[in-house]
Amino acid sequence: MKFYECTQGASNVLIPKANVHVVGEETDNPQITITLDDETSHSAVLVSEMMILCGEAIAKFGGERGLVLPYRGQTQNEEVNKQFHMIPEGPARALAVLRSTARADVNFLKPISHSSLGLLGYVQFTSPIRRYADLLAHFQVHIKITWTYFSWKM
């Protein structure tokens, strides 16, 4: 996690992701293998940070230009955060942090702060799953850039 995000109160939640593989599920004695994904690898952290950085940049771009975008935000729950120090660091604390976070809010008119990411604005723009809101954000940014470019050329 970036230093800036940490100083703004971002949550650094790393929960191991389990993969279960079953061979011979129809037999009396299936072989079950459970592996954990290492989401702390340099490449995984780099991709995650670049996706967050892009979302922050798009929120800043859209906010400065008054674009209608799905600005995502999340309020901070200060009372619950004080209790986390009693839980040992690791998956148990990470799950407690996740369960205590507020629902994400969406504002289409201006950027709103996102406490879990420690950002003043965020737009989900690089999701590998193309949701309607992602496509809306791409379209709005594309139109603004295209309009600005052609206005400048004329």
N, C-alpha and C. Protein backbone atom coordinates (compact mmCIF):
# COMPACT_ATOMS: atom_id res chain seq x y z
N MET A 1 0.84 -1.17 0.00
CA MET A 1 0.00 0.00 0.00
C MET A 1 0.89 1.23 0.00
N LYS A 2 0.47 2.24 -0.73
CA LYS A 2 1.24 3.47 -0.83
C LYS A 2 1.30 4.19 0.51
N PHE A 3 2.41 4.88 0.74
CA PHE A 3 2.59 5.64 1.97
C PHE A 3 1.48 6.68 2.12
N TYR A 4 1.16 7.38 1.02
CA TYR A 4 0.13 8.42 1.06
C TYR A 4 -1.19 7.85 1.54
N GLU A 5 -1.58 6.70 1.02
CA GLU A 5 -2.86 6.10 1.40
C GLU A 5 -2.87 5.77 2.89
N CYS A 6 -1.77 5.24 3.39
CA CYS A 6 -1.69 4.89 4.81
C CYS A 6 -1.82 6.13 5.69
N THR A 7 -1.19 7.24 5.29
CA THR A 7 -1.26 8.46 6.09
C THR A 7 -2.66 9.07 6.06
N GLN A 8 -3.48 8.70 5.08
CA GLN A 8 -4.85 9.19 4.97
C GLN A 8 -5.86 8.26 5.63
N GLY A 9 -5.37 7.20 6.29
CA GLY A 9 -6.24 6.30 7.03
C GLY A 9 -6.73 5.09 6.27
N ALA A 10 -6.08 4.72 5.18
CA ALA A 10 -6.51 3.56 4.39
C ALA A 10 -6.36 2.28 5.20
N SER A 11 -7.22 1.32 4.92
CA SER A 11 -7.15 0.00 5.55
C SER A 11 -6.29 -0.91 4.70
N ASN A 12 -5.36 -1.58 5.33
CA ASN A 12 -4.50 -2.52 4.62
C ASN A 12 -4.95 -3.93 5.00
N VAL A 13 -5.92 -4.46 4.27
CA VAL A 13 -6.52 -5.75 4.58
C VAL A 13 -6.03 -6.80 3.60
N LEU A 14 -5.29 -7.76 4.11
CA LEU A 14 -4.82 -8.86 3.28
C LEU A 14 -5.36 -10.17 3.84
N ILE A 15 -6.29 -10.75 3.14
CA ILE A 15 -6.88 -12.02 3.54
C ILE A 15 -6.47 -13.06 2.52
N PRO A 16 -5.89 -14.17 2.98
CA PRO A 16 -5.49 -15.21 2.02
C PRO A 16 -6.70 -15.72 1.24
N LYS A 17 -6.51 -15.93 -0.05
CA LYS A 17 -7.58 -16.43 -0.92
C LYS A 17 -7.33 -17.92 -1.12
N ALA A 18 -8.30 -18.74 -0.74
CA ALA A 18 -8.15 -20.19 -0.84
C ALA A 18 -8.70 -20.70 -2.16
N ASN A 19 -7.98 -21.64 -2.77
CA ASN A 19 -8.43 -22.35 -3.97
C ASN A 19 -8.58 -23.81 -3.61
N VAL A 20 -9.75 -24.36 -3.88
CA VAL A 20 -10.03 -25.76 -3.57
C VAL A 20 -10.14 -26.53 -4.88
N HIS A 21 -9.39 -27.61 -4.98
CA HIS A 21 -9.40 -28.44 -6.18
C HIS A 21 -9.73 -29.87 -5.75
N VAL A 22 -10.81 -30.43 -6.34
CA VAL A 22 -11.26 -31.78 -5.98
C VAL A 22 -11.11 -32.69 -7.19
N VAL A 23 -10.41 -33.81 -6.98
CA VAL A 23 -10.25 -34.83 -8.02
C VAL A 23 -10.99 -36.07 -7.56
N GLY A 24 -11.87 -36.57 -8.41
CA GLY A 24 -12.64 -37.77 -8.08
C GLY A 24 -13.79 -37.49 -7.15
N GLU A 25 -14.51 -36.42 -7.39
CA GLU A 25 -15.60 -36.05 -6.50
C GLU A 25 -16.74 -37.07 -6.47
N GLU A 26 -16.81 -37.90 -7.49
CA GLU A 26 -17.86 -38.92 -7.56
C GLU A 26 -17.46 -40.21 -6.86
N THR A 27 -16.23 -40.32 -6.41
CA THR A 27 -15.75 -41.54 -5.76
C THR A 27 -15.96 -41.47 -4.25
N ASP A 28 -15.70 -42.61 -3.58
CA ASP A 28 -15.84 -42.67 -2.13
C ASP A 28 -14.70 -41.93 -1.41
N ASN A 29 -13.58 -41.77 -2.10
CA ASN A 29 -12.41 -41.17 -1.47
C ASN A 29 -11.81 -40.08 -2.39
N PRO A 30 -12.47 -38.92 -2.49
CA PRO A 30 -11.96 -37.88 -3.38
C PRO A 30 -10.67 -37.26 -2.83
N GLN A 31 -9.83 -36.78 -3.73
CA GLN A 31 -8.60 -36.08 -3.35
C GLN A 31 -8.90 -34.58 -3.33
N ILE A 32 -8.73 -33.98 -2.18
CA ILE A 32 -9.00 -32.55 -2.02
C ILE A 32 -7.69 -31.83 -1.75
N THR A 33 -7.44 -30.81 -2.57
CA THR A 33 -6.23 -30.00 -2.41
C THR A 33 -6.64 -28.55 -2.18
N ILE A 34 -6.10 -27.94 -1.14
CA ILE A 34 -6.38 -26.53 -0.84
C ILE A 34 -5.06 -25.77 -0.91
N THR A 35 -5.05 -24.73 -1.74
CA THR A 35 -3.86 -23.87 -1.84
C THR A 35 -4.27 -22.43 -1.55
N LEU A 36 -3.32 -21.64 -1.10
CA LEU A 36 -3.57 -20.23 -0.83
C LEU A 36 -2.85 -19.38 -1.85
N ASP A 37 -3.56 -18.38 -2.39
CA ASP A 37 -2.94 -17.43 -3.31
C ASP A 37 -2.15 -16.42 -2.50
N ASP A 38 -0.97 -16.10 -2.99
CA ASP A 38 -0.15 -15.09 -2.35
C ASP A 38 -0.46 -13.75 -2.98
N GLU A 39 -1.35 -12.98 -2.33
CA GLU A 39 -1.73 -11.68 -2.86
C GLU A 39 -0.78 -10.59 -2.42
N THR A 40 0.32 -11.00 -1.76
CA THR A 40 1.33 -10.02 -1.35
C THR A 40 2.53 -10.05 -2.29
N SER A 41 2.43 -10.80 -3.38
CA SER A 41 3.55 -10.83 -4.32
C SER A 41 3.73 -9.45 -4.93
N HIS A 42 4.93 -9.16 -5.37
CA HIS A 42 5.22 -7.84 -5.93
C HIS A 42 4.31 -7.53 -7.12
N SER A 43 4.08 -8.51 -7.97
CA SER A 43 3.25 -8.26 -9.16
C SER A 43 1.79 -8.00 -8.78
N ALA A 44 1.25 -8.75 -7.83
CA ALA A 44 -0.14 -8.55 -7.42
C ALA A 44 -0.32 -7.18 -6.76
N VAL A 45 0.63 -6.79 -5.93
CA VAL A 45 0.56 -5.48 -5.27
C VAL A 45 0.68 -4.36 -6.30
N LEU A 46 1.58 -4.52 -7.26
CA LEU A 46 1.77 -3.50 -8.30
C LEU A 46 0.49 -3.32 -9.12
N VAL A 47 -0.13 -4.42 -9.55
CA VAL A 47 -1.36 -4.32 -10.33
C VAL A 47 -2.46 -3.66 -9.50
N SER A 48 -2.59 -4.04 -8.25
CA SER A 48 -3.60 -3.46 -7.38
C SER A 48 -3.38 -1.96 -7.20
N GLU A 49 -2.15 -1.57 -6.96
CA GLU A 49 -1.84 -0.15 -6.77
C GLU A 49 -2.10 0.66 -8.04
N MET A 50 -1.78 0.09 -9.19
CA MET A 50 -2.02 0.81 -10.44
C MET A 50 -3.51 0.97 -10.72
N MET A 51 -4.31 -0.04 -10.37
CA MET A 51 -5.75 0.06 -10.54
C MET A 51 -6.33 1.15 -9.63
N ILE A 52 -5.84 1.21 -8.39
CA ILE A 52 -6.31 2.23 -7.45
C ILE A 52 -5.86 3.61 -7.92
N LEU A 53 -4.63 3.72 -8.37
CA LEU A 53 -4.11 4.99 -8.87
C LEU A 53 -4.93 5.49 -10.05
N CYS A 54 -5.28 4.60 -10.96
CA CYS A 54 -6.10 4.97 -12.12
C CYS A 54 -7.47 5.47 -11.66
N GLY A 55 -8.08 4.77 -10.71
CA GLY A 55 -9.38 5.19 -10.19
C GLY A 55 -9.33 6.55 -9.52
N GLU A 56 -8.23 6.82 -8.82
CA GLU A 56 -8.05 8.13 -8.19
C GLU A 56 -7.86 9.22 -9.24
N ALA A 57 -7.06 8.92 -10.27
CA ALA A 57 -6.80 9.90 -11.34
C ALA A 57 -8.08 10.23 -12.11
N ILE A 58 -8.88 9.22 -12.40
CA ILE A 58 -10.14 9.44 -13.12
C ILE A 58 -11.10 10.27 -12.27
N ALA A 59 -11.14 10.02 -10.97
CA ALA A 59 -12.00 10.81 -10.08
C ALA A 59 -11.54 12.27 -10.07
N LYS A 60 -10.24 12.50 -10.03
CA LYS A 60 -9.72 13.87 -10.06
C LYS A 60 -10.03 14.54 -11.40
N PHE A 61 -9.80 13.80 -12.50
CA PHE A 61 -10.08 14.30 -13.85
C PHE A 61 -11.56 14.67 -13.97
N GLY A 62 -12.43 13.76 -13.56
CA GLY A 62 -13.87 14.00 -13.67
C GLY A 62 -14.35 15.10 -12.75
N GLY A 63 -13.81 15.15 -11.55
CA GLY A 63 -14.22 16.18 -10.60
C GLY A 63 -13.86 17.57 -11.06
N GLU A 64 -12.66 17.71 -11.63
CA GLU A 64 -12.21 19.01 -12.12
C GLU A 64 -13.01 19.48 -13.33
N ARG A 65 -13.57 18.56 -14.08
CA ARG A 65 -14.30 18.90 -15.30
C ARG A 65 -15.81 18.77 -15.16
N GLY A 66 -16.28 18.43 -13.97
CA GLY A 66 -17.71 18.32 -13.73
C GLY A 66 -18.36 17.16 -14.45
N LEU A 67 -17.63 16.07 -14.67
CA LEU A 67 -18.19 14.91 -15.36
C LEU A 67 -19.13 14.13 -14.46
N VAL A 68 -20.18 13.60 -15.04
CA VAL A 68 -21.08 12.70 -14.34
C VAL A 68 -20.44 11.31 -14.39
N LEU A 69 -19.92 10.87 -13.25
CA LEU A 69 -19.25 9.57 -13.14
C LEU A 69 -19.72 8.87 -11.87
N PRO A 70 -19.61 7.57 -11.80
CA PRO A 70 -19.97 6.87 -10.56
C PRO A 70 -18.83 6.97 -9.54
N TYR A 71 -18.75 8.11 -8.83
CA TYR A 71 -17.73 8.33 -7.81
C TYR A 71 -18.08 7.47 -6.60
N ARG A 72 -17.17 6.58 -6.25
CA ARG A 72 -17.42 5.68 -5.12
C ARG A 72 -16.75 6.23 -3.87
N GLY A 73 -17.43 6.11 -2.76
CA GLY A 73 -16.89 6.57 -1.49
C GLY A 73 -17.31 5.66 -0.36
N GLN A 74 -16.68 5.89 0.79
CA GLN A 74 -16.99 5.06 1.95
C GLN A 74 -16.64 5.86 3.20
N THR A 75 -17.57 5.91 4.15
CA THR A 75 -17.31 6.62 5.39
C THR A 75 -16.50 5.75 6.35
N GLN A 76 -15.83 6.40 7.28
CA GLN A 76 -14.99 5.69 8.25
C GLN A 76 -15.77 5.49 9.53
N ASN A 77 -15.66 4.31 10.11
CA ASN A 77 -16.31 4.00 11.37
C ASN A 77 -15.25 4.09 12.48
N GLU A 78 -15.11 5.26 13.08
CA GLU A 78 -14.05 5.51 14.07
C GLU A 78 -14.20 4.66 15.32
N GLU A 79 -15.41 4.49 15.82
CA GLU A 79 -15.62 3.74 17.07
C GLU A 79 -15.16 2.29 16.95
N VAL A 80 -15.50 1.65 15.85
CA VAL A 80 -15.13 0.25 15.66
C VAL A 80 -13.63 0.12 15.47
N ASN A 81 -12.99 1.05 14.77
CA ASN A 81 -11.57 0.96 14.49
C ASN A 81 -10.72 0.95 15.75
N LYS A 82 -11.19 1.56 16.84
CA LYS A 82 -10.45 1.58 18.10
C LYS A 82 -10.35 0.19 18.71
N GLN A 83 -11.29 -0.68 18.43
CA GLN A 83 -11.32 -2.01 19.03
C GLN A 83 -10.43 -3.02 18.32
N PHE A 84 -9.94 -2.70 17.12
CA PHE A 84 -9.18 -3.67 16.35
C PHE A 84 -7.83 -4.01 16.96
N HIS A 85 -7.28 -3.14 17.75
CA HIS A 85 -5.96 -3.39 18.33
C HIS A 85 -6.00 -4.55 19.34
N MET A 86 -7.20 -4.90 19.82
CA MET A 86 -7.34 -6.02 20.74
C MET A 86 -7.29 -7.35 20.01
N ILE A 87 -7.54 -7.36 18.71
CA ILE A 87 -7.53 -8.59 17.91
C ILE A 87 -6.12 -8.79 17.36
N PRO A 88 -5.55 -9.99 17.51
CA PRO A 88 -4.19 -10.23 16.99
C PRO A 88 -4.13 -9.97 15.49
N GLU A 89 -2.99 -9.42 15.04
CA GLU A 89 -2.82 -9.13 13.62
C GLU A 89 -2.84 -10.41 12.81
N GLY A 90 -3.50 -10.38 11.68
CA GLY A 90 -3.61 -11.54 10.81
C GLY A 90 -5.00 -11.62 10.21
N PRO A 91 -5.40 -12.81 9.76
CA PRO A 91 -6.69 -12.95 9.09
C PRO A 91 -7.89 -12.57 9.97
N ALA A 92 -7.82 -12.83 11.28
CA ALA A 92 -8.95 -12.50 12.15
C ALA A 92 -9.18 -11.00 12.20
N ARG A 93 -8.09 -10.23 12.34
CA ARG A 93 -8.23 -8.77 12.36
C ARG A 93 -8.68 -8.26 11.00
N ALA A 94 -8.14 -8.83 9.94
CA ALA A 94 -8.51 -8.40 8.59
C ALA A 94 -10.00 -8.61 8.34
N LEU A 95 -10.52 -9.75 8.77
CA LEU A 95 -11.97 -10.01 8.61
C LEU A 95 -12.80 -9.05 9.45
N ALA A 96 -12.33 -8.73 10.65
CA ALA A 96 -13.06 -7.79 11.50
C ALA A 96 -13.09 -6.41 10.85
N VAL A 97 -11.98 -5.99 10.26
CA VAL A 97 -11.93 -4.70 9.57
C VAL A 97 -12.92 -4.70 8.41
N LEU A 98 -12.91 -5.77 7.61
CA LEU A 98 -13.82 -5.85 6.47
C LEU A 98 -15.28 -5.81 6.90
N ARG A 99 -15.60 -6.52 7.96
CA ARG A 99 -17.00 -6.59 8.40
C ARG A 99 -17.48 -5.27 8.96
N SER A 100 -16.56 -4.44 9.45
CA SER A 100 -16.96 -3.18 10.09
C SER A 100 -17.05 -2.02 9.10
N THR A 101 -16.56 -2.22 7.88
CA THR A 101 -16.58 -1.11 6.94
C THR A 101 -18.00 -0.79 6.51
N ALA A 102 -18.21 0.47 6.28
CA ALA A 102 -19.53 0.93 5.85
C ALA A 102 -19.75 0.54 4.39
N ARG A 103 -21.01 0.50 4.00
CA ARG A 103 -21.34 0.26 2.60
C ARG A 103 -20.76 1.36 1.73
N ALA A 104 -20.40 1.01 0.54
CA ALA A 104 -19.91 2.01 -0.40
C ALA A 104 -21.07 2.87 -0.87
N ASP A 105 -20.82 4.15 -0.97
CA ASP A 105 -21.80 5.09 -1.50
C ASP A 105 -21.36 5.50 -2.89
N VAL A 106 -22.31 5.88 -3.71
CA VAL A 106 -22.00 6.35 -5.06
C VAL A 106 -22.65 7.72 -5.23
N ASN A 107 -21.84 8.66 -5.72
CA ASN A 107 -22.33 9.99 -6.02
C ASN A 107 -21.97 10.26 -7.48
N PHE A 108 -22.92 10.63 -8.28
CA PHE A 108 -22.66 10.83 -9.70
C PHE A 108 -22.27 12.27 -10.04
N LEU A 109 -22.30 13.18 -9.07
CA LEU A 109 -22.04 14.58 -9.37
C LEU A 109 -20.64 15.06 -9.00
N LYS A 110 -20.07 14.49 -7.94
CA LYS A 110 -18.74 14.94 -7.51
C LYS A 110 -18.04 13.83 -6.74
N PRO A 111 -16.71 13.87 -6.71
CA PRO A 111 -15.96 12.86 -5.95
C PRO A 111 -16.29 12.94 -4.46
N ILE A 112 -16.34 11.78 -3.82
CA ILE A 112 -16.53 11.69 -2.37
C ILE A 112 -15.39 10.87 -1.80
N SER A 113 -15.04 11.12 -0.55
CA SER A 113 -13.88 10.44 0.04
C SER A 113 -14.16 8.96 0.25
N HIS A 114 -13.10 8.19 0.10
CA HIS A 114 -13.16 6.73 0.26
C HIS A 114 -12.19 6.36 1.38
N SER A 115 -12.73 6.11 2.57
CA SER A 115 -11.88 5.92 3.75
C SER A 115 -11.05 4.65 3.68
N SER A 116 -11.59 3.57 3.13
CA SER A 116 -10.82 2.32 3.08
C SER A 116 -9.61 2.43 2.18
N LEU A 117 -9.72 3.24 1.13
CA LEU A 117 -8.59 3.45 0.22
C LEU A 117 -7.75 4.66 0.62
N GLY A 118 -8.27 5.49 1.52
CA GLY A 118 -7.55 6.68 1.94
C GLY A 118 -7.45 7.73 0.84
N LEU A 119 -8.50 7.84 0.03
CA LEU A 119 -8.49 8.75 -1.12
C LEU A 119 -9.61 9.77 -1.01
N LEU A 120 -9.40 10.94 -1.60
CA LEU A 120 -10.43 11.97 -1.64
C LEU A 120 -11.47 11.70 -2.71
N GLY A 121 -11.14 10.86 -3.68
CA GLY A 121 -12.06 10.50 -4.74
C GLY A 121 -11.62 9.22 -5.40
N TYR A 122 -12.60 8.44 -5.89
CA TYR A 122 -12.28 7.17 -6.55
C TYR A 122 -13.41 6.81 -7.51
N VAL A 123 -13.02 6.35 -8.69
CA VAL A 123 -13.97 5.82 -9.67
C VAL A 123 -13.47 4.44 -10.06
N GLN A 124 -14.33 3.45 -9.98
CA GLN A 124 -13.94 2.10 -10.40
C GLN A 124 -13.86 2.10 -11.92
N PHE A 125 -12.64 2.10 -12.45
CA PHE A 125 -12.42 2.31 -13.87
C PHE A 125 -11.66 1.17 -14.53
N THR A 126 -10.94 0.38 -13.76
CA THR A 126 -10.09 -0.67 -14.33
C THR A 126 -10.50 -2.06 -13.89
N SER A 127 -11.74 -2.23 -13.48
CA SER A 127 -12.20 -3.53 -13.02
C SER A 127 -12.11 -4.56 -14.15
N PRO A 128 -11.61 -5.76 -13.84
CA PRO A 128 -11.58 -6.80 -14.87
C PRO A 128 -12.98 -7.27 -15.26
N ILE A 129 -13.96 -6.99 -14.40
CA ILE A 129 -15.36 -7.32 -14.71
C ILE A 129 -16.00 -6.02 -15.19
N ARG A 130 -16.45 -6.01 -16.41
CA ARG A 130 -17.05 -4.80 -16.97
C ARG A 130 -18.50 -4.68 -16.52
N ARG A 131 -18.71 -3.83 -15.56
CA ARG A 131 -20.06 -3.54 -15.08
C ARG A 131 -20.60 -2.33 -15.82
N TYR A 132 -21.90 -2.11 -15.70
CA TYR A 132 -22.52 -0.98 -16.38
C TYR A 132 -21.88 0.33 -15.95
N ALA A 133 -21.63 0.47 -14.65
CA ALA A 133 -21.04 1.72 -14.15
C ALA A 133 -19.63 1.93 -14.73
N ASP A 134 -18.87 0.86 -14.91
CA ASP A 134 -17.54 0.98 -15.52
C ASP A 134 -17.66 1.48 -16.96
N LEU A 135 -18.59 0.90 -17.70
CA LEU A 135 -18.80 1.32 -19.09
C LEU A 135 -19.26 2.76 -19.17
N LEU A 136 -20.12 3.16 -18.24
CA LEU A 136 -20.56 4.55 -18.17
C LEU A 136 -19.36 5.48 -17.95
N ALA A 137 -18.48 5.12 -17.02
CA ALA A 137 -17.31 5.95 -16.73
C ALA A 137 -16.40 6.04 -17.95
N HIS A 138 -16.17 4.92 -18.62
CA HIS A 138 -15.33 4.92 -19.83
C HIS A 138 -15.94 5.82 -20.91
N PHE A 139 -17.25 5.72 -21.11
CA PHE A 139 -17.92 6.52 -22.12
C PHE A 139 -17.82 8.01 -21.80
N GLN A 140 -18.08 8.38 -20.55
CA GLN A 140 -18.03 9.78 -20.16
C GLN A 140 -16.63 10.37 -20.36
N VAL A 141 -15.61 9.64 -19.95
CA VAL A 141 -14.23 10.13 -20.11
C VAL A 141 -13.87 10.21 -21.59
N HIS A 142 -14.26 9.20 -22.36
CA HIS A 142 -13.98 9.19 -23.80
C HIS A 142 -14.61 10.40 -24.49
N ILE A 143 -15.88 10.66 -24.18
CA ILE A 143 -16.58 11.78 -24.79
C ILE A 143 -15.91 13.09 -24.41
N LYS A 144 -15.53 13.25 -23.14
CA LYS A 144 -14.90 14.50 -22.70
C LYS A 144 -13.56 14.71 -23.39
N ILE A 145 -12.75 13.67 -23.48
CA ILE A 145 -11.45 13.79 -24.13
C ILE A 145 -11.62 14.06 -25.62
N THR A 146 -12.53 13.35 -26.27
CA THR A 146 -12.78 13.54 -27.70
C THR A 146 -13.29 14.95 -27.97
N TRP A 147 -14.25 15.41 -27.18
CA TRP A 147 -14.82 16.74 -27.35
C TRP A 147 -13.74 17.82 -27.16
N THR A 148 -12.92 17.65 -26.14
CA THR A 148 -11.85 18.61 -25.87
C THR A 148 -10.86 18.63 -27.02
N TYR A 149 -10.50 17.46 -27.52
CA TYR A 149 -9.53 17.35 -28.60
C TYR A 149 -10.05 18.04 -29.87
N PHE A 150 -11.28 17.72 -30.26
CA PHE A 150 -11.82 18.30 -31.49
C PHE A 150 -12.13 19.78 -31.34
N SER A 151 -12.49 20.23 -30.14
CA SER A 151 -12.72 21.66 -29.91
C SER A 151 -11.40 22.42 -30.07
N TRP A 152 -10.34 21.82 -29.62
CA TRP A 152 -9.02 22.44 -29.68
C TRP A 152 -8.50 22.49 -31.11
N LYS A 153 -8.80 21.45 -31.90
CA LYS A 153 -8.34 21.36 -33.28
C LYS A 153 -9.03 22.36 -34.20
N MET A 154 -10.26 22.75 -33.87
CA MET A 154 -11.02 23.64 -34.76
C MET A 154 -10.69 25.08 -34.56
